[in-house]
């Protein structure tokens, strides 16, 4: 990845140099220098939070989501255009985990040295959680390079907590207010209104968990929902950690999860969107009754620009997840 990015940054530097020596009257150049506030986010939740805080967007800010083609955070490699878009923006928002290791080099080459950079894991501080391997879960296979890395690996899926979303909304409102002081009170007002909606939904989650028969989730898939589970005191079992690239589960893992379903009388095995459900189905087929439901929770890791055009919102997806959660905890 480092070698790929170094070549990419060199190509972009050449483009910038050629642009500087050429005409400044092109449509693209005019767009780049039109004075509008430019905000770049990596993933959908950040993009949606920004647009909710912008409200009616009084300053005409331009908001770009880099991961808009269905590639999730763990597989993303920036294009030259992505790096160029990031390089000139005023506010850049990213998660900050291992999947975003390309960002450091990209920011080092940024044209706008006054850019406000929001790293979500940094915003969380000591509340950021290390990725964990629970009983029965297959540990991710690490290469030699990964084994030599120092320091903890943090769970990147911070957006799947409504409590975190409230914190990030405040952070975004502060950044917009500093970048556009004339409309700071406007952004704060919209942020507070949006936070009320997040808080209401957070209360609905808490009520649903409190009223549920069960308190345990079982995933025949990756598990990116640790922040959500911890918010409401839920226990969980899963085939893989949230950032795992594994797609095949061992017999031991399948058997362990099937036995847990039998032991706890769980009504459903969960997956995340976009999977083929084969592991989940195999778990069900290995249980005694073989009649459990297979349900899917939306992790929002591969929301596309087309999805946004069709009306996708963070609140809607989290609301749908609540309904699935209720069914899984029956």
Protein backbone atom coordinates (compact mmCIF):
# COMPACT_ATOMS: atom_id res chain seq x y z
CA UNK A 1 0.00 0.00 0.00
CA UNK A 2 2.85 2.39 0.87
CA UNK A 3 4.56 1.76 -2.48
CA UNK A 4 1.27 2.23 -4.32
CA UNK A 5 0.64 5.52 -2.55
CA UNK A 6 4.15 6.84 -3.14
CA UNK A 7 3.76 6.33 -6.90
CA UNK A 8 0.31 7.90 -6.78
CA UNK A 9 1.52 10.97 -4.89
CA UNK A 10 4.36 11.45 -7.38
CA UNK A 11 1.86 11.37 -10.25
CA UNK A 12 -0.36 13.88 -8.51
CA UNK A 13 2.57 16.21 -7.82
CA UNK A 14 3.33 16.15 -11.54
CA UNK A 15 -0.30 16.99 -12.34
CA UNK A 16 -0.25 19.94 -9.92
CA UNK A 17 3.02 21.19 -11.43
CA UNK A 18 1.66 20.98 -14.97
CA UNK A 19 -1.54 22.71 -13.88
CA UNK A 20 0.47 25.51 -12.31
CA UNK A 21 2.42 26.05 -15.54
CA UNK A 22 -0.68 26.01 -17.72
CA UNK A 23 -3.77 28.12 -18.10
CA UNK A 24 -5.79 28.90 -14.95
CA UNK A 25 -8.95 29.58 -16.93
CA UNK A 26 -10.24 26.02 -17.21
CA UNK A 27 -13.61 25.07 -15.76
CA UNK A 28 -11.93 22.68 -13.32
CA UNK A 29 -9.53 25.37 -12.07
CA UNK A 30 -12.34 27.85 -11.60
CA UNK A 31 -14.29 25.24 -9.63
CA UNK A 32 -11.26 24.58 -7.44
CA UNK A 33 -10.87 28.32 -6.68
CA UNK A 34 -14.51 29.35 -6.41
CA UNK A 35 -14.17 30.19 -2.71
CA UNK A 36 -16.74 27.66 -1.55
CA UNK A 37 -16.10 25.65 1.59
CA UNK A 38 -14.96 22.17 0.54
CA UNK A 39 -15.55 19.17 2.81
CA UNK A 40 -14.31 15.65 2.04
CA UNK A 41 -15.40 12.55 3.95
CA UNK A 42 -14.29 8.97 3.46
CA UNK A 43 -17.50 7.07 4.26
CA UNK A 44 -21.28 7.49 4.17
CA UNK A 45 -22.06 8.13 7.87
CA UNK A 46 -19.61 11.05 7.97
CA UNK A 47 -21.09 12.41 4.74
CA UNK A 48 -24.63 12.20 6.10
CA UNK A 49 -23.72 13.81 9.43
CA UNK A 50 -22.09 16.71 7.60
CA UNK A 51 -25.13 17.30 5.43
CA UNK A 52 -27.44 17.25 8.45
CA UNK A 53 -25.31 19.87 10.21
CA UNK A 54 -25.14 22.00 7.05
CA UNK A 55 -28.93 22.10 6.95
CA UNK A 56 -29.95 24.22 3.98
CA UNK A 57 -26.25 24.84 3.35
CA UNK A 58 -26.27 28.67 3.52
CA UNK A 59 -22.67 28.99 2.32
CA UNK A 60 -23.08 26.53 -0.55
CA UNK A 61 -20.44 24.16 0.82
CA UNK A 62 -19.34 21.33 -1.45
CA UNK A 63 -19.38 17.89 0.22
CA UNK A 64 -17.61 14.89 -1.31
CA UNK A 65 -17.70 11.24 -0.19
CA UNK A 66 -14.66 9.34 -1.41
CA UNK A 67 -16.00 5.79 -0.94
CA UNK A 68 -19.07 6.11 -3.16
CA UNK A 69 -18.80 3.08 -5.45
CA UNK A 70 -19.60 0.22 -3.06
CA UNK A 71 -16.01 -0.59 -2.04
CA UNK A 72 -15.87 -0.81 1.74
CA UNK A 73 -13.40 0.88 4.03
CA UNK A 74 -11.16 -2.17 4.38
CA UNK A 75 -10.60 -2.59 0.63
CA UNK A 76 -10.38 1.05 -0.45
CA UNK A 77 -7.40 2.35 -2.38
CA UNK A 78 -7.52 6.06 -3.28
CA UNK A 79 -7.28 7.16 -6.89
CA UNK A 80 -5.28 10.13 -8.10
CA UNK A 81 -8.52 12.12 -8.25
CA UNK A 82 -9.33 11.16 -4.65
CA UNK A 83 -5.95 12.40 -3.43
CA UNK A 84 -6.27 15.61 -5.42
CA UNK A 85 -9.76 16.23 -4.03
CA UNK A 86 -8.51 15.67 -0.49
CA UNK A 87 -5.43 17.82 -1.05
CA UNK A 88 -7.35 21.05 -1.62
CA UNK A 89 -10.29 20.67 0.75
CA UNK A 90 -10.95 22.78 3.84
CA UNK A 91 -12.26 20.02 6.11
CA UNK A 92 -11.36 16.34 5.85
CA UNK A 93 -13.12 13.67 7.93
CA UNK A 94 -11.95 10.05 8.18
CA UNK A 95 -12.16 7.14 10.62
CA UNK A 96 -8.47 6.88 11.41
CA UNK A 97 -8.03 3.14 11.82
CA UNK A 98 -5.72 0.68 10.12
CA UNK A 99 -7.74 0.84 6.90
CA UNK A 100 -6.95 4.56 6.64
CA UNK A 101 -3.18 4.22 6.86
CA UNK A 102 -2.92 5.84 3.41
CA UNK A 103 -4.23 9.14 4.82
CA UNK A 104 -1.05 10.16 6.64
CA UNK A 105 1.02 10.25 3.47
CA UNK A 106 -1.76 11.93 1.51
CA UNK A 107 -2.12 14.70 4.10
CA UNK A 108 1.64 15.22 4.07
CA UNK A 109 1.37 16.19 0.40
CA UNK A 110 -1.80 18.30 0.79
CA UNK A 111 -1.85 21.69 -0.94
CA UNK A 112 -4.07 23.26 1.73
CA UNK A 113 -1.90 23.30 4.85
CA UNK A 114 -4.67 25.04 6.84
CA UNK A 115 -7.05 22.12 6.37
CA UNK A 116 -9.07 21.01 9.41
CA UNK A 117 -8.63 17.26 9.80
CA UNK A 118 -11.07 15.20 11.89
CA UNK A 119 -9.90 11.72 12.84
CA UNK A 120 -12.90 9.99 14.45
CA UNK A 121 -10.82 7.61 16.56
CA UNK A 122 -8.82 10.57 17.86
CA UNK A 123 -12.07 12.38 18.70
CA UNK A 124 -13.10 9.38 20.79
CA UNK A 125 -9.83 9.40 22.71
CA UNK A 126 -9.71 6.79 25.45
CA UNK A 127 -13.22 5.61 24.56
CA UNK A 128 -11.94 4.04 21.35
CA UNK A 129 -12.06 0.27 21.71
CA UNK A 130 -9.40 -2.23 20.75
CA UNK A 131 -10.56 -4.95 18.39
CA UNK A 132 -11.26 -8.11 20.41
CA UNK A 133 -11.44 -11.81 19.72
CA UNK A 134 -14.23 -13.41 21.76
CA UNK A 135 -14.74 -17.09 22.51
CA UNK A 136 -15.28 -19.19 19.40
CA UNK A 137 -14.20 -16.46 17.00
CA UNK A 138 -11.52 -17.11 14.41
CA UNK A 139 -8.61 -14.75 14.85
CA UNK A 140 -7.65 -12.91 11.70
CA UNK A 141 -4.67 -14.40 9.89
CA UNK A 142 -1.88 -11.84 10.05
CA UNK A 143 1.06 -11.54 7.69
CA UNK A 144 4.64 -11.13 8.91
CA UNK A 145 4.49 -7.37 8.43
CA UNK A 146 1.33 -7.09 10.54
CA UNK A 147 2.86 -9.24 13.28
CA UNK A 148 5.77 -6.82 13.57
CA UNK A 149 3.51 -3.80 14.02
CA UNK A 150 3.49 -2.21 17.44
CA UNK A 151 0.54 -0.85 19.34
CA UNK A 152 -3.11 -1.90 19.59
CA UNK A 153 -5.43 -2.32 16.64
CA UNK A 154 -8.60 -0.32 17.24
CA UNK A 155 -12.08 -1.28 16.15
CA UNK A 156 -12.79 1.09 13.28
CA UNK A 157 -16.58 0.77 13.21
CA UNK A 158 -17.20 3.78 15.44
CA UNK A 159 -20.15 5.02 13.38
CA UNK A 160 -22.36 2.09 14.46
CA UNK A 161 -22.98 3.74 17.82
CA UNK A 162 -25.62 6.44 18.11
CA UNK A 163 -23.79 7.82 21.13
CA UNK A 164 -20.64 8.19 19.04
CA UNK A 165 -22.67 9.82 16.26
CA UNK A 166 -23.79 12.52 18.70
CA UNK A 167 -20.17 13.21 19.64
CA UNK A 168 -19.10 13.38 16.00
CA UNK A 169 -22.00 15.69 15.15
CA UNK A 170 -20.74 18.16 17.76
CA UNK A 171 -17.21 17.91 16.37
CA UNK A 172 -18.43 18.57 12.82
CA UNK A 173 -20.52 21.56 13.95
CA UNK A 174 -17.47 23.05 15.69
CA UNK A 175 -15.32 22.59 12.58
CA UNK A 176 -17.93 24.15 10.30
CA UNK A 177 -18.37 27.05 12.69
CA UNK A 178 -14.65 27.79 12.65
CA UNK A 179 -14.43 27.48 8.88
CA UNK A 180 -17.52 29.63 8.33
CA UNK A 181 -17.97 31.86 11.44
CA UNK A 182 -20.77 33.84 9.81
CA UNK A 183 -23.00 30.75 9.90
CA UNK A 184 -21.64 29.13 13.09
CA UNK A 185 -24.88 29.58 15.06
CA UNK A 186 -26.85 28.15 12.14
CA UNK A 187 -24.72 25.00 12.06
CA UNK A 188 -24.94 24.61 15.84
CA UNK A 189 -28.74 24.86 15.66
CA UNK A 190 -28.97 22.13 13.01
CA UNK A 191 -26.48 19.98 14.90
CA UNK A 192 -28.56 20.22 18.08
CA UNK A 193 -31.73 19.31 16.18
CA UNK A 194 -30.03 16.32 14.59
CA UNK A 195 -28.59 15.20 17.93
CA UNK A 196 -32.10 15.19 19.38
CA UNK A 197 -33.12 12.72 16.67
CA UNK A 198 -30.08 10.56 17.41
CA UNK A 199 -30.83 10.68 21.12
CA UNK A 200 -34.44 9.69 20.57
CA UNK A 201 -33.40 6.68 18.53
CA UNK A 202 -30.75 5.81 21.12
CA UNK A 203 -33.53 5.74 23.73
CA UNK A 204 -35.59 3.44 21.50
CA UNK A 205 -32.65 1.04 21.28
CA UNK A 206 -32.23 1.06 25.06
CA UNK A 207 -35.95 0.41 25.57
CA UNK A 208 -35.98 -2.42 23.05
CA UNK A 209 -33.00 -4.16 24.66
CA UNK A 210 -34.51 -3.68 28.12
CA UNK A 211 -37.78 -5.28 26.98
CA UNK A 212 -36.15 -8.12 25.03
CA UNK A 213 -36.14 -11.74 26.18
CA UNK A 214 -32.52 -12.24 25.21
CA UNK A 215 -29.28 -10.29 25.53
CA UNK A 216 -27.02 -12.12 23.08
CA UNK A 217 -26.37 -11.72 19.35
CA UNK A 218 -24.77 -14.38 17.17
CA UNK A 219 -23.17 -13.51 13.83
CA UNK A 220 -22.32 -15.97 11.10
CA UNK A 221 -20.17 -13.26 9.60
CA UNK A 222 -17.80 -10.45 10.51
CA UNK A 223 -18.82 -8.51 13.61
CA UNK A 224 -18.51 -4.72 13.16
CA UNK A 225 -21.15 -3.91 15.81
CA UNK A 226 -19.08 -3.95 18.99
CA UNK A 227 -19.71 -0.27 19.76
CA UNK A 228 -23.45 -0.82 19.39
CA UNK A 229 -23.39 -3.97 21.51
CA UNK A 230 -21.43 -2.28 24.28
CA UNK A 231 -23.77 0.73 24.28
CA UNK A 232 -26.68 -1.46 25.37
CA UNK A 233 -24.91 -4.18 27.33
CA UNK A 234 -25.37 -6.89 24.70
CA UNK A 235 -23.22 -10.03 24.53
CA UNK A 236 -22.15 -11.50 21.22
CA UNK A 237 -20.55 -14.39 19.41
CA UNK A 238 -19.30 -14.22 15.83
CA UNK A 239 -17.32 -16.06 13.20
CA UNK A 240 -14.81 -13.26 12.57
CA UNK A 241 -13.69 -9.89 13.92
CA UNK A 242 -15.13 -6.79 12.26
CA UNK A 243 -12.20 -6.04 9.98
CA UNK A 244 -11.51 -9.62 8.98
CA UNK A 245 -11.01 -10.47 5.33
CA UNK A 246 -11.77 -14.15 5.96
CA UNK A 247 -14.70 -15.70 4.10
CA UNK A 248 -14.48 -19.35 5.14
CA UNK A 249 -15.14 -20.54 8.68
CA UNK A 250 -13.64 -23.72 10.12
CA UNK A 251 -15.73 -26.69 11.22
CA UNK A 252 -14.81 -25.87 14.83
CA UNK A 253 -16.15 -22.33 14.49
CA UNK A 254 -19.37 -23.47 12.84
CA UNK A 255 -19.91 -26.13 15.51
CA UNK A 256 -19.21 -23.71 18.36
CA UNK A 257 -21.68 -21.15 17.05
CA UNK A 258 -24.36 -23.76 16.33
CA UNK A 259 -23.96 -25.17 19.83
CA UNK A 260 -24.29 -21.66 21.28
CA UNK A 261 -27.53 -21.16 19.38
CA UNK A 262 -28.86 -24.40 20.85
CA UNK A 263 -27.60 -23.63 24.35
CA UNK A 264 -29.05 -20.12 24.47
CA UNK A 265 -32.15 -20.82 22.40
CA UNK A 266 -31.33 -17.97 20.01
CA UNK A 267 -34.02 -17.33 17.38
CA UNK A 268 -31.74 -15.94 14.68
CA UNK A 269 -28.24 -15.84 13.28
CA UNK A 270 -27.11 -12.47 11.92
CA UNK A 271 -25.10 -11.37 8.91
CA UNK A 272 -24.08 -8.01 7.50
CA UNK A 273 -25.29 -6.63 4.20
CA UNK A 274 -23.76 -7.85 0.97
CA UNK A 275 -22.74 -11.33 2.11
CA UNK A 276 -23.92 -14.60 0.62
CA UNK A 277 -25.15 -15.94 3.97
CA UNK A 278 -23.50 -19.34 3.47
CA UNK A 279 -21.82 -19.43 6.87
CA UNK A 280 -25.04 -18.37 8.59
CA UNK A 281 -26.99 -21.08 6.76
CA UNK A 282 -24.41 -23.71 7.67
CA UNK A 283 -24.68 -22.69 11.32
CA UNK A 284 -28.47 -23.05 11.18
CA UNK A 285 -28.16 -26.45 9.45
CA UNK A 286 -25.83 -27.60 12.24
CA UNK A 287 -28.23 -26.73 15.08
CA UNK A 288 -30.68 -29.24 16.52
CA UNK A 289 -33.86 -27.57 15.27
CA UNK A 290 -32.47 -26.10 12.03
CA UNK A 291 -35.27 -23.51 11.95
CA UNK A 292 -33.62 -20.27 13.08
CA UNK A 293 -34.01 -17.12 11.01
CA UNK A 294 -31.16 -15.50 9.12
CA UNK A 295 -31.31 -11.72 9.54
CA UNK A 296 -29.09 -8.95 8.19
CA UNK A 297 -27.88 -5.79 9.91
CA UNK A 298 -26.69 -2.80 7.88
CA UNK A 299 -23.09 -1.88 8.70
CA UNK A 300 -23.02 1.02 6.21
CA UNK A 301 -19.58 0.03 4.97
CA UNK A 302 -20.44 0.06 1.26
CA UNK A 303 -23.17 2.66 0.76
CA UNK A 304 -22.92 4.11 -2.75
CA UNK A 305 -23.59 7.50 -4.27
CA UNK A 306 -26.60 5.94 -5.97
CA UNK A 307 -27.95 4.83 -2.59
CA UNK A 308 -27.70 8.42 -1.40
CA UNK A 309 -29.50 9.68 -4.50
CA UNK A 310 -32.25 7.17 -3.68
CA UNK A 311 -32.65 8.66 -0.21
CA UNK A 312 -30.40 6.59 2.05
CA UNK A 313 -29.78 8.22 5.44
CA UNK A 314 -27.87 7.22 8.55
CA UNK A 315 -30.95 7.55 10.75
CA UNK A 316 -33.08 5.40 8.44
CA UNK A 317 -30.48 2.64 8.38
CA UNK A 318 -30.05 2.69 12.14
CA UNK A 319 -33.84 2.60 12.52
CA UNK A 320 -34.02 -0.47 10.27
CA UNK A 321 -31.24 -2.06 12.32
CA UNK A 322 -33.33 -1.51 15.45
CA UNK A 323 -36.19 -3.54 13.98
CA UNK A 324 -33.79 -6.37 13.10
CA UNK A 325 -32.29 -6.21 16.58
CA UNK A 326 -35.72 -6.60 18.18
CA UNK A 327 -36.35 -9.72 16.10
CA UNK A 328 -32.94 -11.18 16.93
CA UNK A 329 -33.51 -10.72 20.67
CA UNK A 330 -37.01 -12.25 20.81
